[in-house]
Amino acid sequence: MPATPAKAKKAAPGITREGVIATTIALLHEEGPEGLSMRKLATRLGISAPTLYWHFPDKAALMAAVMEHLFSSCLTRIGACNSATEWLRAFGRAIWQVQCETPHVPLLILSTEQSADGYDRMQAALRGGLAPFARDAADMERLMQLQAAVQSLVTGWTTLTQGKGRRLSAQYDVEAVAMRSLDALIAGWPQG
């Protein structure tokens, strides 16, 4: 007989959405995206797979939540900044750190469909971070385009440090080159 929702909730004391996300990230780190399943995650959490669905309706929703969590983690690493340039550099460095700490993020970015609500929350957070530096609406759009370029550039570099791209690390300090290219991108972006 299947468990009733009340029994399922009672069977998993202390399991939170945040805990599920953290455990998912740990499992991704250990086994990669191909090794992640809702059943394996439920086992790691010590719950049944149906109980996991109380927190996330399916794997796609779980992965979207993981991506939003990692993105938010990037934003929380940005300290006080005095200019848009400083903020964008800090954002790029935070992306580098989070993606290096959490292997497979570039693959997750490509394979995860973000919900409209999640996307809107992330865009609002970016606009909030950049708002103190935007002179007007047109400047805000310029900064939003630049932050998208920063995300793309840094994600490209972190992709090259994972898997088969690790050979680059034997040639040169990939992080140093990535940060130099980040600085060049920001410095060369048109002002108006």
N, C-alpha and C. Protein backbone atom coordinates (compact mmCIF):
# COMPACT_ATOMS: atom_id res chain seq x y z
N MET A 1 0.85 -1.18 0.00
CA MET A 1 0.00 0.00 0.00
C MET A 1 0.90 1.24 0.00
N PRO A 2 0.69 2.17 -0.94
CA PRO A 2 1.52 3.37 -0.98
C PRO A 2 1.33 4.23 0.25
N ALA A 3 2.39 4.91 0.62
CA ALA A 3 2.33 5.80 1.78
C ALA A 3 1.46 7.00 1.45
N THR A 4 0.73 7.46 2.40
CA THR A 4 -0.05 8.67 2.22
C THR A 4 0.87 9.85 2.36
N PRO A 5 0.51 10.98 1.79
CA PRO A 5 1.38 12.15 1.92
C PRO A 5 1.72 12.48 3.38
N ALA A 6 0.77 12.34 4.29
CA ALA A 6 1.04 12.64 5.69
C ALA A 6 2.10 11.70 6.23
N LYS A 7 2.01 10.41 5.90
CA LYS A 7 3.02 9.46 6.36
C LYS A 7 4.37 9.75 5.74
N ALA A 8 4.37 10.12 4.47
CA ALA A 8 5.63 10.41 3.80
C ALA A 8 6.34 11.59 4.46
N LYS A 9 5.59 12.63 4.78
CA LYS A 9 6.19 13.78 5.44
C LYS A 9 6.70 13.40 6.82
N LYS A 10 5.93 12.59 7.53
CA LYS A 10 6.31 12.18 8.87
C LYS A 10 7.55 11.29 8.84
N ALA A 11 7.72 10.55 7.75
CA ALA A 11 8.84 9.62 7.64
C ALA A 11 10.18 10.32 7.40
N ALA A 12 10.16 11.59 7.12
CA ALA A 12 11.40 12.29 6.80
C ALA A 12 11.60 13.54 7.65
N PRO A 13 11.69 13.36 8.96
CA PRO A 13 11.91 14.55 9.79
C PRO A 13 13.27 15.18 9.48
N GLY A 14 13.29 16.48 9.43
CA GLY A 14 14.54 17.20 9.23
C GLY A 14 14.97 17.33 7.78
N ILE A 15 14.25 16.73 6.85
CA ILE A 15 14.61 16.88 5.44
C ILE A 15 14.03 18.20 4.94
N THR A 16 14.90 19.06 4.47
CA THR A 16 14.47 20.37 3.96
C THR A 16 14.85 20.50 2.49
N ARG A 17 14.24 21.44 1.85
CA ARG A 17 14.55 21.74 0.44
C ARG A 17 16.05 22.05 0.31
N GLU A 18 16.56 22.86 1.22
CA GLU A 18 17.97 23.24 1.18
C GLU A 18 18.88 22.02 1.39
N GLY A 19 18.46 21.12 2.28
CA GLY A 19 19.23 19.90 2.51
C GLY A 19 19.24 18.99 1.29
N VAL A 20 18.12 18.92 0.61
CA VAL A 20 18.04 18.12 -0.61
C VAL A 20 18.98 18.71 -1.67
N ILE A 21 18.99 20.03 -1.81
CA ILE A 21 19.87 20.68 -2.78
C ILE A 21 21.33 20.42 -2.44
N ALA A 22 21.70 20.58 -1.17
CA ALA A 22 23.09 20.35 -0.75
C ALA A 22 23.51 18.90 -1.01
N THR A 23 22.63 17.96 -0.73
CA THR A 23 22.94 16.55 -0.97
C THR A 23 23.04 16.27 -2.46
N THR A 24 22.21 16.91 -3.25
CA THR A 24 22.27 16.75 -4.70
C THR A 24 23.62 17.24 -5.22
N ILE A 25 24.07 18.39 -4.74
CA ILE A 25 25.36 18.94 -5.16
C ILE A 25 26.49 17.99 -4.78
N ALA A 26 26.44 17.43 -3.59
CA ALA A 26 27.47 16.47 -3.17
C ALA A 26 27.46 15.23 -4.06
N LEU A 27 26.28 14.74 -4.39
CA LEU A 27 26.17 13.56 -5.25
C LEU A 27 26.65 13.87 -6.67
N LEU A 28 26.33 15.05 -7.16
CA LEU A 28 26.82 15.46 -8.48
C LEU A 28 28.34 15.52 -8.48
N HIS A 29 28.91 16.03 -7.41
CA HIS A 29 30.36 16.14 -7.30
C HIS A 29 31.01 14.76 -7.34
N GLU A 30 30.40 13.80 -6.66
CA GLU A 30 30.96 12.45 -6.58
C GLU A 30 30.74 11.64 -7.85
N GLU A 31 29.56 11.75 -8.45
CA GLU A 31 29.20 10.82 -9.52
C GLU A 31 28.88 11.48 -10.85
N GLY A 32 28.83 12.81 -10.87
CA GLY A 32 28.50 13.48 -12.12
C GLY A 32 27.02 13.41 -12.41
N PRO A 33 26.57 14.20 -13.38
CA PRO A 33 25.15 14.24 -13.71
C PRO A 33 24.58 12.88 -14.13
N GLU A 34 25.41 12.10 -14.82
CA GLU A 34 24.92 10.81 -15.28
C GLU A 34 24.69 9.83 -14.12
N GLY A 35 25.32 10.06 -12.99
CA GLY A 35 25.15 9.18 -11.84
C GLY A 35 24.05 9.62 -10.90
N LEU A 36 23.38 10.71 -11.21
CA LEU A 36 22.33 11.23 -10.34
C LEU A 36 20.97 10.71 -10.76
N SER A 37 20.26 10.14 -9.82
CA SER A 37 18.86 9.76 -10.04
C SER A 37 18.09 10.12 -8.78
N MET A 38 16.81 10.29 -8.92
CA MET A 38 15.97 10.61 -7.76
C MET A 38 16.05 9.46 -6.75
N ARG A 39 16.11 8.25 -7.22
CA ARG A 39 16.19 7.09 -6.32
C ARG A 39 17.50 7.10 -5.54
N LYS A 40 18.61 7.37 -6.24
CA LYS A 40 19.92 7.41 -5.58
C LYS A 40 19.97 8.56 -4.57
N LEU A 41 19.40 9.68 -4.94
CA LEU A 41 19.37 10.83 -4.04
C LEU A 41 18.53 10.52 -2.80
N ALA A 42 17.38 9.91 -3.01
CA ALA A 42 16.52 9.55 -1.87
C ALA A 42 17.25 8.60 -0.93
N THR A 43 17.95 7.63 -1.49
CA THR A 43 18.72 6.69 -0.66
C THR A 43 19.77 7.43 0.15
N ARG A 44 20.47 8.37 -0.50
CA ARG A 44 21.50 9.15 0.21
C ARG A 44 20.88 9.96 1.35
N LEU A 45 19.68 10.45 1.13
CA LEU A 45 18.99 11.24 2.16
C LEU A 45 18.34 10.37 3.23
N GLY A 46 18.27 9.06 2.97
CA GLY A 46 17.64 8.16 3.93
C GLY A 46 16.12 8.22 3.90
N ILE A 47 15.59 8.53 2.73
CA ILE A 47 14.14 8.61 2.57
C ILE A 47 13.74 7.78 1.36
N SER A 48 12.45 7.61 1.18
CA SER A 48 11.97 6.91 0.00
C SER A 48 11.87 7.90 -1.16
N ALA A 49 11.96 7.38 -2.38
CA ALA A 49 11.85 8.25 -3.55
C ALA A 49 10.55 9.05 -3.55
N PRO A 50 9.39 8.44 -3.23
CA PRO A 50 8.16 9.24 -3.21
C PRO A 50 8.22 10.41 -2.22
N THR A 51 8.94 10.24 -1.12
CA THR A 51 9.07 11.32 -0.14
C THR A 51 9.83 12.49 -0.74
N LEU A 52 10.80 12.19 -1.59
CA LEU A 52 11.59 13.24 -2.23
C LEU A 52 10.70 14.15 -3.09
N TYR A 53 9.64 13.57 -3.62
CA TYR A 53 8.74 14.35 -4.48
C TYR A 53 7.91 15.37 -3.70
N TRP A 54 7.95 15.31 -2.39
CA TRP A 54 7.32 16.36 -1.58
C TRP A 54 8.06 17.68 -1.78
N HIS A 55 9.36 17.57 -2.01
CA HIS A 55 10.20 18.76 -2.15
C HIS A 55 10.36 19.20 -3.61
N PHE A 56 10.45 18.22 -4.52
CA PHE A 56 10.64 18.52 -5.94
C PHE A 56 9.79 17.56 -6.76
N PRO A 57 8.97 18.10 -7.68
CA PRO A 57 8.06 17.23 -8.42
C PRO A 57 8.77 16.27 -9.39
N ASP A 58 9.99 16.64 -9.82
CA ASP A 58 10.72 15.78 -10.73
C ASP A 58 12.19 16.21 -10.76
N LYS A 59 13.00 15.45 -11.48
CA LYS A 59 14.43 15.73 -11.54
C LYS A 59 14.71 17.08 -12.19
N ALA A 60 13.91 17.44 -13.19
CA ALA A 60 14.11 18.73 -13.87
C ALA A 60 13.94 19.89 -12.89
N ALA A 61 12.94 19.82 -12.05
CA ALA A 61 12.72 20.88 -11.05
C ALA A 61 13.85 20.91 -10.03
N LEU A 62 14.33 19.73 -9.66
CA LEU A 62 15.46 19.65 -8.72
C LEU A 62 16.70 20.30 -9.33
N MET A 63 17.00 19.97 -10.58
CA MET A 63 18.20 20.53 -11.22
C MET A 63 18.07 22.04 -11.40
N ALA A 64 16.88 22.52 -11.71
CA ALA A 64 16.68 23.96 -11.82
C ALA A 64 16.93 24.64 -10.47
N ALA A 65 16.49 24.01 -9.38
CA ALA A 65 16.73 24.55 -8.04
C ALA A 65 18.21 24.53 -7.70
N VAL A 66 18.91 23.48 -8.10
CA VAL A 66 20.36 23.40 -7.87
C VAL A 66 21.05 24.54 -8.61
N MET A 67 20.69 24.75 -9.86
CA MET A 67 21.32 25.82 -10.63
C MET A 67 21.04 27.19 -10.03
N GLU A 68 19.82 27.41 -9.58
CA GLU A 68 19.49 28.69 -8.94
C GLU A 68 20.28 28.87 -7.65
N HIS A 69 20.43 27.79 -6.90
CA HIS A 69 21.21 27.84 -5.66
C HIS A 69 22.67 28.21 -5.96
N LEU A 70 23.26 27.57 -6.96
CA LEU A 70 24.65 27.85 -7.31
C LEU A 70 24.81 29.29 -7.81
N PHE A 71 23.85 29.75 -8.58
CA PHE A 71 23.87 31.13 -9.07
C PHE A 71 23.80 32.10 -7.89
N SER A 72 22.89 31.84 -6.96
CA SER A 72 22.77 32.70 -5.77
C SER A 72 24.05 32.68 -4.96
N SER A 73 24.71 31.52 -4.92
CA SER A 73 25.98 31.42 -4.22
C SER A 73 27.02 32.35 -4.83
N CYS A 74 27.00 32.47 -6.15
CA CYS A 74 27.92 33.41 -6.81
C CYS A 74 27.65 34.84 -6.34
N LEU A 75 26.39 35.21 -6.31
CA LEU A 75 26.04 36.59 -5.94
C LEU A 75 26.37 36.89 -4.49
N THR A 76 26.22 35.91 -3.59
CA THR A 76 26.51 36.18 -2.19
C THR A 76 28.01 36.33 -1.92
N ARG A 77 28.84 35.90 -2.84
CA ARG A 77 30.29 36.03 -2.67
C ARG A 77 30.80 37.42 -3.06
N ILE A 78 29.95 38.21 -3.69
CA ILE A 78 30.36 39.55 -4.11
C ILE A 78 30.27 40.47 -2.89
N GLY A 79 31.36 41.04 -2.53
CA GLY A 79 31.35 41.96 -1.39
C GLY A 79 30.95 43.35 -1.82
N ALA A 80 31.21 44.30 -0.96
CA ALA A 80 30.91 45.71 -1.28
C ALA A 80 31.79 46.15 -2.45
N CYS A 81 31.19 46.83 -3.39
CA CYS A 81 31.91 47.30 -4.58
C CYS A 81 31.63 48.79 -4.79
N ASN A 82 32.62 49.47 -5.36
CA ASN A 82 32.49 50.90 -5.59
C ASN A 82 32.17 51.26 -7.02
N SER A 83 32.17 50.27 -7.92
CA SER A 83 31.89 50.55 -9.33
C SER A 83 31.34 49.30 -10.00
N ALA A 84 30.76 49.51 -11.15
CA ALA A 84 30.25 48.37 -11.93
C ALA A 84 31.41 47.46 -12.34
N THR A 85 32.54 48.05 -12.69
CA THR A 85 33.71 47.26 -13.08
C THR A 85 34.13 46.34 -11.93
N GLU A 86 34.19 46.90 -10.75
CA GLU A 86 34.58 46.12 -9.57
C GLU A 86 33.56 45.01 -9.31
N TRP A 87 32.27 45.33 -9.43
CA TRP A 87 31.21 44.34 -9.21
C TRP A 87 31.30 43.22 -10.23
N LEU A 88 31.49 43.56 -11.50
CA LEU A 88 31.56 42.55 -12.56
C LEU A 88 32.79 41.66 -12.40
N ARG A 89 33.91 42.23 -12.00
CA ARG A 89 35.10 41.40 -11.74
C ARG A 89 34.83 40.44 -10.58
N ALA A 90 34.23 40.95 -9.52
CA ALA A 90 33.92 40.10 -8.37
C ALA A 90 32.92 39.01 -8.77
N PHE A 91 31.96 39.34 -9.61
CA PHE A 91 30.99 38.37 -10.09
C PHE A 91 31.69 37.29 -10.91
N GLY A 92 32.57 37.69 -11.81
CA GLY A 92 33.32 36.72 -12.61
C GLY A 92 34.17 35.80 -11.75
N ARG A 93 34.84 36.36 -10.76
CA ARG A 93 35.65 35.54 -9.85
C ARG A 93 34.78 34.58 -9.04
N ALA A 94 33.61 35.04 -8.63
CA ALA A 94 32.69 34.18 -7.88
C ALA A 94 32.19 33.03 -8.75
N ILE A 95 31.88 33.32 -10.01
CA ILE A 95 31.47 32.26 -10.93
C ILE A 95 32.59 31.24 -11.07
N TRP A 96 33.81 31.71 -11.24
CA TRP A 96 34.97 30.82 -11.35
C TRP A 96 35.05 29.91 -10.12
N GLN A 97 34.98 30.51 -8.95
CA GLN A 97 35.10 29.73 -7.71
C GLN A 97 34.00 28.68 -7.59
N VAL A 98 32.76 29.10 -7.78
CA VAL A 98 31.63 28.17 -7.63
C VAL A 98 31.72 27.05 -8.65
N GLN A 99 32.05 27.38 -9.87
CA GLN A 99 32.11 26.34 -10.90
C GLN A 99 33.30 25.41 -10.71
N CYS A 100 34.39 25.90 -10.17
CA CYS A 100 35.53 25.02 -9.90
C CYS A 100 35.26 24.14 -8.67
N GLU A 101 34.53 24.66 -7.71
CA GLU A 101 34.19 23.89 -6.52
C GLU A 101 33.13 22.83 -6.81
N THR A 102 32.33 23.06 -7.83
CA THR A 102 31.21 22.18 -8.15
C THR A 102 31.38 21.70 -9.59
N PRO A 103 32.13 20.62 -9.79
CA PRO A 103 32.34 20.13 -11.15
C PRO A 103 31.02 19.86 -11.86
N HIS A 104 31.06 19.91 -13.13
CA HIS A 104 29.93 19.61 -14.01
C HIS A 104 28.94 20.76 -14.15
N VAL A 105 29.21 21.91 -13.53
CA VAL A 105 28.27 23.03 -13.66
C VAL A 105 28.08 23.45 -15.11
N PRO A 106 29.16 23.55 -15.92
CA PRO A 106 28.91 23.93 -17.31
C PRO A 106 27.96 22.96 -18.02
N LEU A 107 28.10 21.67 -17.76
CA LEU A 107 27.19 20.69 -18.35
C LEU A 107 25.77 20.89 -17.83
N LEU A 108 25.64 21.18 -16.55
CA LEU A 108 24.31 21.42 -15.98
C LEU A 108 23.66 22.66 -16.59
N ILE A 109 24.47 23.69 -16.83
CA ILE A 109 23.94 24.91 -17.44
C ILE A 109 23.34 24.59 -18.81
N LEU A 110 24.04 23.76 -19.57
CA LEU A 110 23.57 23.40 -20.91
C LEU A 110 22.35 22.49 -20.88
N SER A 111 22.23 21.67 -19.85
CA SER A 111 21.18 20.65 -19.85
C SER A 111 19.99 20.95 -18.96
N THR A 112 20.04 22.04 -18.22
CA THR A 112 18.97 22.34 -17.27
C THR A 112 18.08 23.46 -17.79
N GLU A 113 16.81 23.20 -17.84
CA GLU A 113 15.83 24.21 -18.24
C GLU A 113 15.39 24.96 -16.99
N GLN A 114 15.69 26.23 -16.95
CA GLN A 114 15.31 27.04 -15.79
C GLN A 114 13.84 27.43 -15.92
N SER A 115 13.12 27.38 -14.81
CA SER A 115 11.73 27.82 -14.83
C SER A 115 11.67 29.32 -15.07
N ALA A 116 10.54 29.78 -15.57
CA ALA A 116 10.36 31.22 -15.80
C ALA A 116 10.51 31.99 -14.49
N ASP A 117 9.95 31.45 -13.41
CA ASP A 117 10.07 32.12 -12.11
C ASP A 117 11.51 32.17 -11.64
N GLY A 118 12.23 31.06 -11.79
CA GLY A 118 13.64 31.02 -11.40
C GLY A 118 14.48 31.99 -12.20
N TYR A 119 14.23 32.02 -13.50
CA TYR A 119 14.95 32.96 -14.36
C TYR A 119 14.66 34.40 -13.95
N ASP A 120 13.40 34.70 -13.69
CA ASP A 120 13.04 36.05 -13.27
C ASP A 120 13.71 36.42 -11.95
N ARG A 121 13.78 35.48 -11.01
CA ARG A 121 14.46 35.76 -9.73
C ARG A 121 15.94 36.05 -9.95
N MET A 122 16.58 35.27 -10.81
CA MET A 122 18.00 35.48 -11.08
C MET A 122 18.24 36.82 -11.78
N GLN A 123 17.39 37.16 -12.73
CA GLN A 123 17.52 38.45 -13.41
C GLN A 123 17.32 39.61 -12.44
N ALA A 124 16.34 39.47 -11.55
CA ALA A 124 16.08 40.52 -10.56
C ALA A 124 17.28 40.67 -9.62
N ALA A 125 17.88 39.55 -9.24
CA ALA A 125 19.06 39.62 -8.36
C ALA A 125 20.22 40.31 -9.06
N LEU A 126 20.43 40.00 -10.33
CA LEU A 126 21.49 40.66 -11.09
C LEU A 126 21.22 42.16 -11.21
N ARG A 127 20.00 42.51 -11.55
CA ARG A 127 19.65 43.93 -11.68
C ARG A 127 19.83 44.65 -10.34
N GLY A 128 19.47 43.96 -9.25
CA GLY A 128 19.65 44.55 -7.93
C GLY A 128 21.12 44.80 -7.61
N GLY A 129 21.97 43.87 -7.99
CA GLY A 129 23.41 44.05 -7.76
C GLY A 129 24.00 45.16 -8.60
N LEU A 130 23.51 45.31 -9.81
CA LEU A 130 24.06 46.32 -10.73
C LEU A 130 23.38 47.69 -10.61
N ALA A 131 22.21 47.73 -10.01
CA ALA A 131 21.43 48.98 -9.93
C ALA A 131 22.21 50.17 -9.39
N PRO A 132 23.01 50.02 -8.34
CA PRO A 132 23.73 51.19 -7.82
C PRO A 132 24.69 51.82 -8.83
N PHE A 133 25.03 51.09 -9.89
CA PHE A 133 26.03 51.58 -10.83
C PHE A 133 25.45 52.02 -12.18
N ALA A 134 24.17 51.79 -12.38
CA ALA A 134 23.54 52.14 -13.66
C ALA A 134 23.07 53.59 -13.63
N ARG A 135 23.47 54.35 -14.64
CA ARG A 135 23.08 55.77 -14.72
C ARG A 135 21.63 55.93 -15.15
N ASP A 136 21.16 55.01 -16.00
CA ASP A 136 19.80 55.09 -16.52
C ASP A 136 19.41 53.72 -17.05
N ALA A 137 18.24 53.61 -17.64
CA ALA A 137 17.75 52.31 -18.13
C ALA A 137 18.65 51.74 -19.23
N ALA A 138 19.13 52.60 -20.10
CA ALA A 138 20.01 52.13 -21.18
C ALA A 138 21.33 51.60 -20.61
N ASP A 139 21.85 52.28 -19.60
CA ASP A 139 23.09 51.81 -18.97
C ASP A 139 22.85 50.49 -18.25
N MET A 140 21.68 50.32 -17.64
CA MET A 140 21.36 49.05 -16.99
C MET A 140 21.36 47.92 -18.01
N GLU A 141 20.80 48.15 -19.18
CA GLU A 141 20.78 47.12 -20.22
C GLU A 141 22.19 46.79 -20.69
N ARG A 142 23.04 47.81 -20.80
CA ARG A 142 24.44 47.59 -21.17
C ARG A 142 25.13 46.72 -20.12
N LEU A 143 24.90 47.03 -18.85
CA LEU A 143 25.50 46.25 -17.77
C LEU A 143 24.95 44.82 -17.73
N MET A 144 23.68 44.66 -18.03
CA MET A 144 23.10 43.31 -18.06
C MET A 144 23.70 42.49 -19.21
N GLN A 145 23.95 43.13 -20.33
CA GLN A 145 24.60 42.42 -21.43
C GLN A 145 26.03 42.06 -21.06
N LEU A 146 26.71 42.97 -20.39
CA LEU A 146 28.09 42.71 -19.97
C LEU A 146 28.15 41.58 -18.94
N GLN A 147 27.22 41.55 -17.99
CA GLN A 147 27.26 40.46 -17.02
C GLN A 147 26.99 39.12 -17.70
N ALA A 148 26.14 39.11 -18.74
CA ALA A 148 25.90 37.86 -19.50
C ALA A 148 27.19 37.43 -20.20
N ALA A 149 27.93 38.40 -20.73
CA ALA A 149 29.22 38.09 -21.37
C ALA A 149 30.21 37.56 -20.33
N VAL A 150 30.20 38.13 -19.14
CA VAL A 150 31.06 37.66 -18.05
C VAL A 150 30.72 36.20 -17.72
N GLN A 151 29.44 35.92 -17.57
CA GLN A 151 29.03 34.54 -17.27
C GLN A 151 29.51 33.58 -18.36
N SER A 152 29.32 33.97 -19.60
CA SER A 152 29.70 33.10 -20.71
C SER A 152 31.20 32.88 -20.77
N LEU A 153 31.96 33.94 -20.62
CA LEU A 153 33.42 33.83 -20.67
C LEU A 153 33.94 32.93 -19.56
N VAL A 154 33.52 33.18 -18.34
CA VAL A 154 34.04 32.41 -17.21
C VAL A 154 33.58 30.95 -17.29
N THR A 155 32.34 30.73 -17.69
CA THR A 155 31.86 29.36 -17.84
C THR A 155 32.65 28.63 -18.92
N GLY A 156 33.00 29.33 -19.98
CA GLY A 156 33.85 28.73 -21.00
C GLY A 156 35.19 28.30 -20.44
N TRP A 157 35.80 29.17 -19.65
CA TRP A 157 37.10 28.83 -19.06
C TRP A 157 36.97 27.67 -18.07
N THR A 158 35.94 27.67 -17.25
CA THR A 158 35.82 26.55 -16.30
C THR A 158 35.55 25.24 -17.04
N THR A 159 34.85 25.31 -18.16
CA THR A 159 34.64 24.11 -18.98
C THR A 159 35.98 23.53 -19.43
N LEU A 160 36.91 24.42 -19.77
CA LEU A 160 38.22 23.97 -20.23
C LEU A 160 39.10 23.41 -19.12
N THR A 161 38.70 23.59 -17.87
CA THR A 161 39.50 23.04 -16.76
C THR A 161 38.96 21.69 -16.29
N GLN A 162 37.86 21.25 -16.87
CA GLN A 162 37.24 20.00 -16.44
C GLN A 162 37.33 18.96 -17.55
N GLY A 163 37.31 17.71 -17.18
CA GLY A 163 37.33 16.63 -18.15
C GLY A 163 38.58 16.66 -19.00
N LYS A 164 38.40 16.52 -20.30
CA LYS A 164 39.51 16.46 -21.23
C LYS A 164 40.28 17.77 -21.31
N GLY A 165 39.65 18.86 -20.93
CA GLY A 165 40.30 20.16 -20.96
C GLY A 165 41.36 20.35 -19.89
N ARG A 166 41.46 19.42 -18.98
CA ARG A 166 42.43 19.57 -17.88
C ARG A 166 43.87 19.67 -18.38
N ARG A 167 44.12 19.24 -19.58
CA ARG A 167 45.48 19.31 -20.13
C ARG A 167 45.98 20.75 -20.20
N LEU A 168 45.07 21.69 -20.34
CA LEU A 168 45.48 23.10 -20.38
C LEU A 168 46.21 23.51 -19.12
N SER A 169 45.82 22.93 -17.99
CA SER A 169 46.45 23.28 -16.73
C SER A 169 47.93 22.93 -16.71
N ALA A 170 48.34 21.97 -17.51
CA ALA A 170 49.75 21.61 -17.59
C ALA A 170 50.52 22.65 -18.40
N GLN A 171 49.84 23.36 -19.27
CA GLN A 171 50.48 24.36 -20.12
C GLN A 171 50.67 25.70 -19.42
N TYR A 172 49.64 26.12 -18.70
CA TYR A 172 49.71 27.44 -18.07
C TYR A 172 48.69 27.53 -16.95
N ASP A 173 48.78 28.59 -16.19
CA ASP A 173 47.87 28.84 -15.08
C ASP A 173 46.53 29.31 -15.65
N VAL A 174 45.61 28.36 -15.80
CA VAL A 174 44.33 28.64 -16.46
C VAL A 174 43.56 29.72 -15.70
N GLU A 175 43.57 29.67 -14.39
CA GLU A 175 42.83 30.68 -13.62
C GLU A 175 43.38 32.08 -13.91
N ALA A 176 44.69 32.23 -13.93
CA ALA A 176 45.29 33.54 -14.19
C ALA A 176 44.90 34.04 -15.59
N VAL A 177 44.94 33.16 -16.57
CA VAL A 177 44.57 33.56 -17.93
C VAL A 177 43.08 33.89 -18.00
N ALA A 178 42.26 33.10 -17.32
CA ALA A 178 40.82 33.36 -17.30
C ALA A 178 40.53 34.73 -16.69
N MET A 179 41.21 35.07 -15.60
CA MET A 179 40.97 36.35 -14.94
C MET A 179 41.50 37.51 -15.79
N ARG A 180 42.61 37.30 -16.51
CA ARG A 180 43.09 38.35 -17.42
C ARG A 180 42.10 38.57 -18.55
N SER A 181 41.53 37.48 -19.08
CA SER A 181 40.55 37.65 -20.15
C SER A 181 39.28 38.30 -19.63
N LEU A 182 38.92 38.01 -18.37
CA LEU A 182 37.78 38.67 -17.74
C LEU A 182 38.02 40.18 -17.66
N ASP A 183 39.21 40.56 -17.18
CA ASP A 183 39.53 41.98 -17.08
C ASP A 183 39.51 42.65 -18.46
N ALA A 184 40.04 41.96 -19.48
CA ALA A 184 40.07 42.52 -20.84
C ALA A 184 38.64 42.70 -21.38
N LEU A 185 37.78 41.72 -21.12
CA LEU A 185 36.39 41.83 -21.56
C LEU A 185 35.72 43.04 -20.93
N ILE A 186 35.85 43.19 -19.63
CA ILE A 186 35.19 44.29 -18.92
C ILE A 186 35.76 45.64 -19.39
N ALA A 187 37.09 45.72 -19.48
CA ALA A 187 37.72 46.99 -19.89
C ALA A 187 37.37 47.36 -21.32
N GLY A 188 37.18 46.39 -22.18
CA GLY A 188 36.92 46.67 -23.58
C GLY A 188 35.47 46.80 -23.96
N TRP A 189 34.57 46.59 -22.98
CA TRP A 189 33.13 46.65 -23.30
C TRP A 189 32.74 48.10 -23.57
N PRO A 190 32.00 48.36 -24.63
CA PRO A 190 31.59 49.74 -24.96
C PRO A 190 30.85 50.40 -23.80
N GLN A 191 31.12 51.65 -23.61
CA GLN A 191 30.52 52.41 -22.50
C GLN A 191 29.12 52.92 -22.80
N GLY A 192 28.75 53.02 -24.04
CA GLY A 192 27.43 53.58 -24.31
C GLY A 192 26.85 53.11 -25.59
